[in-house]
Amino acid sequence: MIRTLLVRGLLLGLLAGLIAGAFAFAFGEPRVESAIALENAGADHALGGEAHEHGEEALVSRPVQRAGLFLATGLYGLAVGGVFALVYAALRGRVGPRSEGGLALAAAGTAFAAVILIPFLKYPANPPAVGDPDTINDRTLLYVVMIAVGLAATAIAVATARHVTAGPWARWSAAVAAFLVPVAAAWWLLPAVDEVPDGFPATLLWEFRLASLGTQLVFWTALGVLFGWASERAARRSAPMS
């Protein structure tokens, strides 16, 4: 059974990654191009008008980067889909909805909130020309810490919900509070990172961040829906005939 779920997760994760890649290509790539144009314009000004093309200095040209986007999102989906299937197998019959589709959607939604949304709200993605290269290690570490906080908060919320027996409203209220307390503490204790240069277009920054978050939302939605649909279909096929 676990092998079947793992194969299902790998294949559907790959498909969800390609779907997310199509979204990123349509909505994220134009913002990346605009940010690169601003970066090049700033470099031209700093160099006194000398020619400076991002594609000429980059190790990988922009056309190759655009083509590689689908490879990257596909591999990301393949890896995440495999992990998702293993987590799904561990949760099955123990935590969450009893239906196959409901559990898949609940697991995908929870993963999106814990691993993507919580870190993103504290440390949102930045386009090219935003961010100091000297602080990339520090920013990466802070982002990983927020992922750990999101996962820990989720585990605490699940444990709290399982121990509260006063009723559905009390259970959900306690779970939400248990989730928000460590998230709020991390938000308050961890340092803020604001490296947006003066004069950078606020609209471009906002659109890039929306596209980045939207790509992840599309991926996790597609993974949850596809995995749930496939699991429900498999359950119906294996159900005994009456």
C-alpha atoms as a PDB file:
ATOM      1  CA  MET A   1       0.000   0.000   0.000  1.00  0.00           C
ATOM      2  CA  ILE A   2       2.761   2.463   0.909  1.00  0.00           C
ATOM      3  CA  ARG A   3       4.547   1.692  -2.351  1.00  0.00           C
ATOM      4  CA  THR A   4       1.343   2.425  -4.285  1.00  0.00           C
ATOM      5  CA  LEU A   5       0.859   5.708  -2.418  1.00  0.00           C
ATOM      6  CA  LEU A   6       4.506   6.659  -2.991  1.00  0.00           C
ATOM      7  CA  VAL A   7       4.282   6.075  -6.739  1.00  0.00           C
ATOM      8  CA  ARG A   8       1.020   8.015  -6.819  1.00  0.00           C
ATOM      9  CA  GLY A   9       2.616  10.888  -4.928  1.00  0.00           C
ATOM     10  CA  LEU A  10       5.652  10.997  -7.214  1.00  0.00           C
ATOM     11  CA  LEU A  11       3.617  11.018 -10.425  1.00  0.00           C
ATOM     12  CA  LEU A  12       0.956  13.451  -9.263  1.00  0.00           C
ATOM     13  CA  GLY A  13       3.578  15.641  -7.603  1.00  0.00           C
ATOM     14  CA  LEU A  14       5.378  15.854 -10.940  1.00  0.00           C
ATOM     15  CA  LEU A  15       2.119  16.805 -12.671  1.00  0.00           C
ATOM     16  CA  ALA A  16       1.288  19.395  -9.999  1.00  0.00           C
ATOM     17  CA  GLY A  17       4.799  20.824 -10.379  1.00  0.00           C
ATOM     18  CA  LEU A  18       4.355  21.250 -14.122  1.00  0.00           C
ATOM     19  CA  ILE A  19       0.980  22.938 -13.566  1.00  0.00           C
ATOM     20  CA  ALA A  20       2.600  25.309 -11.071  1.00  0.00           C
ATOM     21  CA  GLY A  21       5.419  25.893 -13.564  1.00  0.00           C
ATOM     22  CA  ALA A  22       2.906  26.979 -16.188  1.00  0.00           C
ATOM     23  CA  PHE A  23       1.428  29.456 -13.689  1.00  0.00           C
ATOM     24  CA  ALA A  24       4.882  30.777 -12.793  1.00  0.00           C
ATOM     25  CA  PHE A  25       5.787  31.117 -16.466  1.00  0.00           C
ATOM     26  CA  ALA A  26       2.613  33.085 -17.222  1.00  0.00           C
ATOM     27  CA  PHE A  27       2.512  35.319 -14.155  1.00  0.00           C
ATOM     28  CA  GLY A  28       5.965  35.288 -12.579  1.00  0.00           C
ATOM     29  CA  GLU A  29       8.342  35.458 -15.533  1.00  0.00           C
ATOM     30  CA  PRO A  30       7.126  38.888 -16.795  1.00  0.00           C
ATOM     31  CA  ARG A  31       7.841  40.334 -13.333  1.00  0.00           C
ATOM     32  CA  VAL A  32      11.276  38.735 -13.280  1.00  0.00           C
ATOM     33  CA  GLU A  33      12.026  40.285 -16.669  1.00  0.00           C
ATOM     34  CA  SER A  34      10.953  43.707 -15.408  1.00  0.00           C
ATOM     35  CA  ALA A  35      13.098  43.359 -12.286  1.00  0.00           C
ATOM     36  CA  ILE A  36      16.115  42.298 -14.367  1.00  0.00           C
ATOM     37  CA  ALA A  37      15.593  45.308 -16.628  1.00  0.00           C
ATOM     38  CA  LEU A  38      15.679  47.570 -13.568  1.00  0.00           C
ATOM     39  CA  GLU A  39      18.784  45.792 -12.302  1.00  0.00           C
ATOM     40  CA  ASN A  40      20.525  46.257 -15.644  1.00  0.00           C
ATOM     41  CA  ALA A  41      19.473  49.905 -15.821  1.00  0.00           C
ATOM     42  CA  GLY A  42      20.952  50.489 -12.379  1.00  0.00           C
ATOM     43  CA  ALA A  43      24.179  48.763 -13.376  1.00  0.00           C
ATOM     44  CA  ASP A  44      24.378  50.810 -16.573  1.00  0.00           C
ATOM     45  CA  HIS A  45      24.037  53.988 -14.544  1.00  0.00           C
ATOM     46  CA  ALA A  46      26.683  52.850 -12.055  1.00  0.00           C
ATOM     47  CA  LEU A  47      29.081  51.978 -14.874  1.00  0.00           C
ATOM     48  CA  GLY A  48      28.619  55.307 -16.596  1.00  0.00           C
ATOM     49  CA  GLY A  49      26.456  54.000 -19.412  1.00  0.00           C
ATOM     50  CA  GLU A  50      28.569  50.976 -20.368  1.00  0.00           C
ATOM     51  CA  ALA A  51      26.681  48.053 -21.875  1.00  0.00           C
ATOM     52  CA  HIS A  52      25.492  45.628 -19.261  1.00  0.00           C
ATOM     53  CA  GLU A  53      23.200  42.760 -20.107  1.00  0.00           C
ATOM     54  CA  HIS A  54      21.996  40.353 -17.448  1.00  0.00           C
ATOM     55  CA  GLY A  55      21.934  37.496 -19.922  1.00  0.00           C
ATOM     56  CA  GLU A  56      25.573  38.072 -20.977  1.00  0.00           C
ATOM     57  CA  GLU A  57      26.989  37.893 -17.463  1.00  0.00           C
ATOM     58  CA  ALA A  58      24.732  35.197 -16.102  1.00  0.00           C
ATOM     59  CA  LEU A  59      26.063  31.662 -16.111  1.00  0.00           C
ATOM     60  CA  VAL A  60      22.715  30.536 -17.540  1.00  0.00           C
ATOM     61  CA  SER A  61      21.004  32.667 -20.176  1.00  0.00           C
ATOM     62  CA  ARG A  62      17.450  33.870 -19.716  1.00  0.00           C
ATOM     63  CA  PRO A  63      15.995  31.585 -22.432  1.00  0.00           C
ATOM     64  CA  VAL A  64      17.579  28.590 -20.723  1.00  0.00           C
ATOM     65  CA  GLN A  65      16.341  29.813 -17.345  1.00  0.00           C
ATOM     66  CA  ARG A  66      12.803  30.087 -18.677  1.00  0.00           C
ATOM     67  CA  ALA A  67      12.967  26.573 -20.113  1.00  0.00           C
ATOM     68  CA  GLY A  68      14.530  25.289 -16.907  1.00  0.00           C
ATOM     69  CA  LEU A  69      11.638  26.681 -14.900  1.00  0.00           C
ATOM     70  CA  PHE A  70       9.526  23.654 -15.788  1.00  0.00           C
ATOM     71  CA  LEU A  71      12.384  21.301 -14.965  1.00  0.00           C
ATOM     72  CA  ALA A  72      12.779  22.954 -11.560  1.00  0.00           C
ATOM     73  CA  THR A  73       9.077  22.909 -10.694  1.00  0.00           C
ATOM     74  CA  GLY A  74       8.764  19.361 -12.000  1.00  0.00           C
ATOM     75  CA  LEU A  75      11.619  18.099  -9.825  1.00  0.00           C
ATOM     76  CA  TYR A  76      10.243  20.063  -6.890  1.00  0.00           C
ATOM     77  CA  GLY A  77       6.855  18.429  -7.397  1.00  0.00           C
ATOM     78  CA  LEU A  78       8.441  14.992  -7.704  1.00  0.00           C
ATOM     79  CA  ALA A  79      10.271  15.350  -4.390  1.00  0.00           C
ATOM     80  CA  VAL A  80       7.428  17.001  -2.496  1.00  0.00           C
ATOM     81  CA  GLY A  81       4.899  14.542  -3.914  1.00  0.00           C
ATOM     82  CA  GLY A  82       6.897  11.613  -2.566  1.00  0.00           C
ATOM     83  CA  VAL A  83       7.140  13.153   0.916  1.00  0.00           C
ATOM     84  CA  PHE A  84       3.458  14.078   0.795  1.00  0.00           C
ATOM     85  CA  ALA A  85       2.506  10.479   0.028  1.00  0.00           C
ATOM     86  CA  LEU A  86       4.507   9.192   3.010  1.00  0.00           C
ATOM     87  CA  VAL A  87       2.939  11.757   5.336  1.00  0.00           C
ATOM     88  CA  TYR A  88      -0.490  10.891   3.933  1.00  0.00           C
ATOM     89  CA  ALA A  89       0.137   7.217   4.675  1.00  0.00           C
ATOM     90  CA  ALA A  90       1.125   8.067   8.269  1.00  0.00           C
ATOM     91  CA  LEU A  91      -1.987  10.223   8.811  1.00  0.00           C
ATOM     92  CA  ARG A  92      -4.427   7.848   7.170  1.00  0.00           C
ATOM     93  CA  GLY A  93      -6.950   6.549   9.698  1.00  0.00           C
ATOM     94  CA  ARG A  94      -5.273   8.400  12.562  1.00  0.00           C
ATOM     95  CA  VAL A  95      -5.676  12.149  12.049  1.00  0.00           C
ATOM     96  CA  GLY A  96      -7.924  14.284   9.880  1.00  0.00           C
ATOM     97  CA  PRO A  97     -10.940  13.484   7.718  1.00  0.00           C
ATOM     98  CA  ARG A  98     -11.848   9.851   7.164  1.00  0.00           C
ATOM     99  CA  SER A  99     -12.465  10.199   3.442  1.00  0.00           C
ATOM    100  CA  GLU A 100      -9.489   9.777   1.120  1.00  0.00           C
ATOM    101  CA  GLY A 101     -10.134  13.005  -0.773  1.00  0.00           C
ATOM    102  CA  GLY A 102     -10.838  15.016   2.355  1.00  0.00           C
ATOM    103  CA  LEU A 103      -7.626  13.854   3.999  1.00  0.00           C
ATOM    104  CA  ALA A 104      -5.574  14.719   0.911  1.00  0.00           C
ATOM    105  CA  LEU A 105      -7.053  18.218   0.712  1.00  0.00           C
ATOM    106  CA  ALA A 106      -6.642  18.784   4.449  1.00  0.00           C
ATOM    107  CA  ALA A 107      -3.017  17.594   4.366  1.00  0.00           C
ATOM    108  CA  ALA A 108      -2.191  19.758   1.351  1.00  0.00           C
ATOM    109  CA  GLY A 109      -3.857  22.818   2.863  1.00  0.00           C
ATOM    110  CA  THR A 110      -2.080  22.334   6.171  1.00  0.00           C
ATOM    111  CA  ALA A 111       1.274  21.866   4.451  1.00  0.00           C
ATOM    112  CA  PHE A 112       0.754  25.023   2.409  1.00  0.00           C
ATOM    113  CA  ALA A 113      -0.061  27.032   5.538  1.00  0.00           C
ATOM    114  CA  ALA A 114       2.810  25.651   7.619  1.00  0.00           C
ATOM    115  CA  VAL A 115       5.615  25.366   5.056  1.00  0.00           C
ATOM    116  CA  ILE A 116       4.752  28.171   2.622  1.00  0.00           C
ATOM    117  CA  LEU A 117       2.339  30.762   3.983  1.00  0.00           C
ATOM    118  CA  ILE A 118       3.763  31.241   7.496  1.00  0.00           C
ATOM    119  CA  PRO A 119       7.386  31.763   6.312  1.00  0.00           C
ATOM    120  CA  PHE A 120       6.208  33.869   3.365  1.00  0.00           C
ATOM    121  CA  LEU A 121       4.283  36.312   5.555  1.00  0.00           C
ATOM    122  CA  LYS A 122       7.401  36.992   7.620  1.00  0.00           C
ATOM    123  CA  TYR A 123      10.006  36.790   4.849  1.00  0.00           C
ATOM    124  CA  PRO A 124       8.314  37.222   1.448  1.00  0.00           C
ATOM    125  CA  ALA A 125      10.071  36.418  -1.811  1.00  0.00           C
ATOM    126  CA  ASN A 126      12.007  39.181  -3.561  1.00  0.00           C
ATOM    127  CA  PRO A 127      12.661  39.688  -7.272  1.00  0.00           C
ATOM    128  CA  PRO A 128      16.100  40.322  -8.816  1.00  0.00           C
ATOM    129  CA  ALA A 129      17.686  43.640  -7.763  1.00  0.00           C
ATOM    130  CA  VAL A 130      16.191  43.290  -4.264  1.00  0.00           C
ATOM    131  CA  GLY A 131      18.312  41.955  -1.435  1.00  0.00           C
ATOM    132  CA  ASP A 132      21.937  42.204  -0.347  1.00  0.00           C
ATOM    133  CA  PRO A 133      24.052  39.245  -1.589  1.00  0.00           C
ATOM    134  CA  ASP A 134      26.103  39.439   1.622  1.00  0.00           C
ATOM    135  CA  THR A 135      23.042  38.588   3.746  1.00  0.00           C
ATOM    136  CA  ILE A 136      21.701  35.669   1.700  1.00  0.00           C
ATOM    137  CA  ASN A 137      22.901  33.054   4.202  1.00  0.00           C
ATOM    138  CA  ASP A 138      21.293  34.891   7.105  1.00  0.00           C
ATOM    139  CA  ARG A 139      18.036  35.335   5.193  1.00  0.00           C
ATOM    140  CA  THR A 140      17.990  31.671   4.200  1.00  0.00           C
ATOM    141  CA  LEU A 141      18.538  30.592   7.794  1.00  0.00           C
ATOM    142  CA  LEU A 142      15.719  32.828   9.030  1.00  0.00           C
ATOM    143  CA  TYR A 143      13.389  31.413   6.377  1.00  0.00           C
ATOM    144  CA  VAL A 144      14.252  27.836   7.403  1.00  0.00           C
ATOM    145  CA  VAL A 145      13.590  28.748  11.027  1.00  0.00           C
ATOM    146  CA  MET A 146      10.126  30.011  10.077  1.00  0.00           C
ATOM    147  CA  ILE A 147       9.437  26.738   8.236  1.00  0.00           C
ATOM    148  CA  ALA A 148      10.408  24.852  11.397  1.00  0.00           C
ATOM    149  CA  VAL A 149       8.116  27.110  13.425  1.00  0.00           C
ATOM    150  CA  GLY A 150       5.236  26.444  11.031  1.00  0.00           C
ATOM    151  CA  LEU A 151       5.734  22.684  11.247  1.00  0.00           C
ATOM    152  CA  ALA A 152       6.073  22.768  15.036  1.00  0.00           C
ATOM    153  CA  ALA A 153       2.953  24.925  15.354  1.00  0.00           C
ATOM    154  CA  THR A 154       1.040  22.447  13.199  1.00  0.00           C
ATOM    155  CA  ALA A 155       2.163  19.501  15.346  1.00  0.00           C
ATOM    156  CA  ILE A 156       1.181  21.359  18.511  1.00  0.00           C
ATOM    157  CA  ALA A 157      -2.223  22.245  17.050  1.00  0.00           C
ATOM    158  CA  VAL A 158      -2.911  18.626  16.040  1.00  0.00           C
ATOM    159  CA  ALA A 159      -1.875  17.324  19.466  1.00  0.00           C
ATOM    160  CA  THR A 160      -4.049  19.927  21.162  1.00  0.00           C
ATOM    161  CA  ALA A 161      -7.082  19.061  19.045  1.00  0.00           C
ATOM    162  CA  ARG A 162      -6.717  15.378  19.868  1.00  0.00           C
ATOM    163  CA  HIS A 163      -6.659  16.050  23.611  1.00  0.00           C
ATOM    164  CA  VAL A 164      -9.625  18.429  23.757  1.00  0.00           C
ATOM    165  CA  THR A 165     -12.905  16.531  24.061  1.00  0.00           C
ATOM    166  CA  ALA A 166     -15.276  19.324  25.100  1.00  0.00           C
ATOM    167  CA  GLY A 167     -16.811  19.612  21.626  1.00  0.00           C
ATOM    168  CA  PRO A 168     -16.007  20.608  18.046  1.00  0.00           C
ATOM    169  CA  TRP A 169     -15.952  24.362  18.659  1.00  0.00           C
ATOM    170  CA  ALA A 170     -13.746  24.043  21.733  1.00  0.00           C
ATOM    171  CA  ARG A 171     -11.457  21.619  19.892  1.00  0.00           C
ATOM    172  CA  TRP A 172     -11.015  23.864  16.867  1.00  0.00           C
ATOM    173  CA  SER A 173     -10.607  26.995  18.985  1.00  0.00           C
ATOM    174  CA  ALA A 174      -7.905  25.347  21.073  1.00  0.00           C
ATOM    175  CA  ALA A 175      -6.146  24.056  17.955  1.00  0.00           C
ATOM    176  CA  VAL A 176      -6.148  27.485  16.291  1.00  0.00           C
ATOM    177  CA  ALA A 177      -4.833  29.134  19.458  1.00  0.00           C
ATOM    178  CA  ALA A 178      -2.134  26.475  19.815  1.00  0.00           C
ATOM    179  CA  PHE A 179      -1.085  27.108  16.220  1.00  0.00           C
ATOM    180  CA  LEU A 180      -1.031  30.900  16.461  1.00  0.00           C
ATOM    181  CA  VAL A 181       0.881  31.235  19.740  1.00  0.00           C
ATOM    182  CA  PRO A 182       4.270  29.898  18.506  1.00  0.00           C
ATOM    183  CA  VAL A 183       3.800  31.615  15.136  1.00  0.00           C
ATOM    184  CA  ALA A 184       3.136  34.980  16.813  1.00  0.00           C
ATOM    185  CA  ALA A 185       6.091  34.477  19.172  1.00  0.00           C
ATOM    186  CA  ALA A 186       8.428  33.745  16.257  1.00  0.00           C
ATOM    187  CA  TRP A 187       7.058  36.735  14.337  1.00  0.00           C
ATOM    188  CA  TRP A 188       7.851  38.984  17.299  1.00  0.00           C
ATOM    189  CA  LEU A 189      11.232  37.496  18.226  1.00  0.00           C
ATOM    190  CA  LEU A 190      12.825  36.979  14.810  1.00  0.00           C
ATOM    191  CA  PRO A 191      14.377  40.031  13.137  1.00  0.00           C
ATOM    192  CA  ALA A 192      12.709  41.719  10.207  1.00  0.00           C
ATOM    193  CA  VAL A 193      14.438  41.831   6.826  1.00  0.00           C
ATOM    194  CA  ASP A 194      13.807  44.865   4.637  1.00  0.00           C
ATOM    195  CA  GLU A 195      16.334  45.236   1.837  1.00  0.00           C
ATOM    196  CA  VAL A 196      14.105  46.782  -0.833  1.00  0.00           C
ATOM    197  CA  PRO A 197      16.126  49.611  -2.376  1.00  0.00           C
ATOM    198  CA  ASP A 198      14.739  53.121  -2.514  1.00  0.00           C
ATOM    199  CA  GLY A 199      12.859  53.777  -5.708  1.00  0.00           C
ATOM    200  CA  PHE A 200      12.040  50.153  -6.494  1.00  0.00           C
ATOM    201  CA  PRO A 201       8.490  50.065  -7.928  1.00  0.00           C
ATOM    202  CA  ALA A 202       6.084  48.968  -5.214  1.00  0.00           C
ATOM    203  CA  THR A 203       3.652  47.582  -7.781  1.00  0.00           C
ATOM    204  CA  LEU A 204       6.307  45.334  -9.339  1.00  0.00           C
ATOM    205  CA  LEU A 205       7.386  44.090  -5.902  1.00  0.00           C
ATOM    206  CA  TRP A 206       3.789  43.338  -4.922  1.00  0.00           C
ATOM    207  CA  GLU A 207       3.009  41.577  -8.208  1.00  0.00           C
ATOM    208  CA  PHE A 208       6.153  39.453  -8.009  1.00  0.00           C
ATOM    209  CA  ARG A 209       5.355  38.359  -4.466  1.00  0.00           C
ATOM    210  CA  LEU A 210       1.756  37.561  -5.394  1.00  0.00           C
ATOM    211  CA  ALA A 211       2.968  35.489  -8.352  1.00  0.00           C
ATOM    212  CA  SER A 212       5.460  33.662  -6.136  1.00  0.00           C
ATOM    213  CA  LEU A 213       2.837  32.854  -3.511  1.00  0.00           C
ATOM    214  CA  GLY A 214       0.308  32.024  -6.223  1.00  0.00           C
ATOM    215  CA  THR A 215       2.682  29.485  -7.753  1.00  0.00           C
ATOM    216  CA  GLN A 216       2.881  27.640  -4.450  1.00  0.00           C
ATOM    217  CA  LEU A 217      -0.872  27.883  -3.957  1.00  0.00           C
ATOM    218  CA  VAL A 218      -1.472  26.403  -7.398  1.00  0.00           C
ATOM    219  CA  PHE A 219       0.986  23.596  -6.689  1.00  0.00           C
ATOM    220  CA  TRP A 220      -0.479  22.571  -3.346  1.00  0.00           C
ATOM    221  CA  THR A 221      -4.046  22.902  -4.595  1.00  0.00           C
ATOM    222  CA  ALA A 222      -3.281  20.755  -7.629  1.00  0.00           C
ATOM    223  CA  LEU A 223      -1.444  18.177  -5.508  1.00  0.00           C
ATOM    224  CA  GLY A 224      -4.259  17.952  -2.968  1.00  0.00           C
ATOM    225  CA  VAL A 225      -7.006  17.718  -5.585  1.00  0.00           C
ATOM    226  CA  LEU A 226      -5.164  15.223  -7.821  1.00  0.00           C
ATOM    227  CA  PHE A 227      -4.003  13.025  -4.961  1.00  0.00           C
ATOM    228  CA  GLY A 228      -7.437  13.088  -3.370  1.00  0.00           C
ATOM    229  CA  TRP A 229      -9.162  12.235  -6.640  1.00  0.00           C
ATOM    230  CA  ALA A 230      -6.783   9.355  -7.340  1.00  0.00           C
ATOM    231  CA  SER A 231      -7.125   8.026  -3.781  1.00  0.00           C
ATOM    232  CA  GLU A 232     -10.924   8.175  -3.876  1.00  0.00           C
ATOM    233  CA  ARG A 233     -10.935   6.379  -7.207  1.00  0.00           C
ATOM    234  CA  ALA A 234      -8.601   3.678  -5.901  1.00  0.00           C
ATOM    235  CA  ALA A 235     -10.752   3.242  -2.784  1.00  0.00           C
ATOM    236  CA  ARG A 236     -13.895   2.765  -4.883  1.00  0.00           C
ATOM    237  CA  ARG A 237     -12.161   0.171  -7.039  1.00  0.00           C
ATOM    238  CA  SER A 238     -10.946  -1.789  -4.022  1.00  0.00           C
ATOM    239  CA  ALA A 239     -14.305  -1.637  -2.200  1.00  0.00           C
ATOM    240  CA  PRO A 240     -16.086  -5.033  -2.071  1.00  0.00           C
ATOM    241  CA  MET A 241     -18.976  -5.451  -4.448  1.00  0.00           C
ATOM    242  CA  SER A 242     -22.341  -5.609  -2.690  1.00  0.00           C
END
